[in-house]
Amino acid sequence: MSYGIKLVMGLIGTALLCIFIGGLSQSISSGFAGFKGGAPFMIIAIIVCCMAVYDFWDECVRKK
């Protein structure tokens, strides 16, 4: 796959993942669980999004 296609598709995939995880975290925190009940999931969601962004950078942006 060419560098440009890999970069665009990786960016789209990472963005969709982070938007989905962020919306899910926001929904859990503002819903029945409340902030205290949703805080552990929010922390996990932030860590997962950071790992996804790092993997995107490692696979698509950084030139080896």
C-alpha atoms as a PDB file:
ATOM      1  CA  MET A   1       0.000   0.000   0.000  1.00  0.00           C
ATOM      2  CA  SER A   2       1.301   3.462  -0.777  1.00  0.00           C
ATOM      3  CA  TYR A   3       2.278   5.857   1.985  1.00  0.00           C
ATOM      4  CA  GLY A   4      -0.556   8.305   1.271  1.00  0.00           C
ATOM      5  CA  ILE A   5      -3.317   5.704   1.303  1.00  0.00           C
ATOM      6  CA  LYS A   6      -1.916   4.118   4.452  1.00  0.00           C
ATOM      7  CA  LEU A   7      -1.817   7.529   6.164  1.00  0.00           C
ATOM      8  CA  VAL A   8      -5.380   8.526   5.213  1.00  0.00           C
ATOM      9  CA  MET A   9      -6.953   5.152   6.020  1.00  0.00           C
ATOM     10  CA  GLY A  10      -5.074   4.926   9.322  1.00  0.00           C
ATOM     11  CA  LEU A  11      -6.184   8.425  10.277  1.00  0.00           C
ATOM     12  CA  ILE A  12      -9.824   7.672   9.433  1.00  0.00           C
ATOM     13  CA  GLY A  13      -9.767   4.401  11.375  1.00  0.00           C
ATOM     14  CA  THR A  14      -8.074   5.899  14.414  1.00  0.00           C
ATOM     15  CA  ALA A  15     -10.418   8.888  14.421  1.00  0.00           C
ATOM     16  CA  LEU A  16     -13.516   6.670  14.211  1.00  0.00           C
ATOM     17  CA  LEU A  17     -12.243   4.478  17.042  1.00  0.00           C
ATOM     18  CA  CYS A  18     -11.464   7.452  19.300  1.00  0.00           C
ATOM     19  CA  ILE A  19     -14.813   9.115  18.540  1.00  0.00           C
ATOM     20  CA  PHE A  20     -16.695   5.884  19.316  1.00  0.00           C
ATOM     21  CA  ILE A  21     -14.780   5.224  22.554  1.00  0.00           C
ATOM     22  CA  GLY A  22     -15.133   8.874  23.617  1.00  0.00           C
ATOM     23  CA  GLY A  23     -18.876   8.879  22.974  1.00  0.00           C
ATOM     24  CA  LEU A  24     -19.297   5.614  24.840  1.00  0.00           C
ATOM     25  CA  SER A  25     -17.347   6.999  27.787  1.00  0.00           C
ATOM     26  CA  GLN A  26     -19.374  10.208  27.790  1.00  0.00           C
ATOM     27  CA  SER A  27     -22.613   8.224  27.645  1.00  0.00           C
ATOM     28  CA  ILE A  28     -21.640   6.003  30.563  1.00  0.00           C
ATOM     29  CA  SER A  29     -20.445   8.953  32.667  1.00  0.00           C
ATOM     30  CA  SER A  30     -23.535  11.083  32.097  1.00  0.00           C
ATOM     31  CA  GLY A  31     -26.014   8.219  32.323  1.00  0.00           C
ATOM     32  CA  PHE A  32     -27.054   5.989  35.165  1.00  0.00           C
ATOM     33  CA  ALA A  33     -23.524   5.333  36.443  1.00  0.00           C
ATOM     34  CA  GLY A  34     -22.758   9.025  37.043  1.00  0.00           C
ATOM     35  CA  PHE A  35     -19.270  10.486  37.073  1.00  0.00           C
ATOM     36  CA  LYS A  36     -17.948   8.315  39.899  1.00  0.00           C
ATOM     37  CA  GLY A  37     -19.242   5.130  38.310  1.00  0.00           C
ATOM     38  CA  GLY A  38     -18.003   6.106  34.855  1.00  0.00           C
ATOM     39  CA  ALA A  39     -14.581   7.379  35.937  1.00  0.00           C
ATOM     40  CA  PRO A  40     -12.803   3.988  35.729  1.00  0.00           C
ATOM     41  CA  PHE A  41     -14.135   3.434  32.214  1.00  0.00           C
ATOM     42  CA  MET A  42     -13.169   6.996  31.269  1.00  0.00           C
ATOM     43  CA  ILE A  43      -9.591   6.382  32.401  1.00  0.00           C
ATOM     44  CA  ILE A  44      -9.457   3.109  30.465  1.00  0.00           C
ATOM     45  CA  ALA A  45     -10.936   4.837  27.386  1.00  0.00           C
ATOM     46  CA  ILE A  46      -8.277   7.567  27.512  1.00  0.00           C
ATOM     47  CA  ILE A  47      -5.515   4.967  27.768  1.00  0.00           C
ATOM     48  CA  VAL A  48      -6.961   2.957  24.857  1.00  0.00           C
ATOM     49  CA  CYS A  49      -7.237   6.082  22.671  1.00  0.00           C
ATOM     50  CA  CYS A  50      -3.644   7.039  23.493  1.00  0.00           C
ATOM     51  CA  MET A  51      -2.495   3.543  22.530  1.00  0.00           C
ATOM     52  CA  ALA A  52      -4.455   3.721  19.258  1.00  0.00           C
ATOM     53  CA  VAL A  53      -2.920   7.099  18.379  1.00  0.00           C
ATOM     54  CA  TYR A  54       0.561   5.793  19.181  1.00  0.00           C
ATOM     55  CA  ASP A  55      -0.022   2.715  17.013  1.00  0.00           C
ATOM     56  CA  PHE A  56      -1.216   4.954  14.151  1.00  0.00           C
ATOM     57  CA  TRP A  57       1.927   7.064  14.491  1.00  0.00           C
ATOM     58  CA  ASP A  58       4.158   3.996  14.695  1.00  0.00           C
ATOM     59  CA  GLU A  59       2.598   2.212  11.704  1.00  0.00           C
ATOM     60  CA  CYS A  60       1.655   5.047   9.369  1.00  0.00           C
ATOM     61  CA  VAL A  61       3.560   8.245  10.135  1.00  0.00           C
ATOM     62  CA  ARG A  62       7.013   7.197  11.358  1.00  0.00           C
ATOM     63  CA  LYS A  63       9.309   6.200   8.547  1.00  0.00           C
ATOM     64  CA  LYS A  64      11.422   3.190   9.402  1.00  0.00           C
END
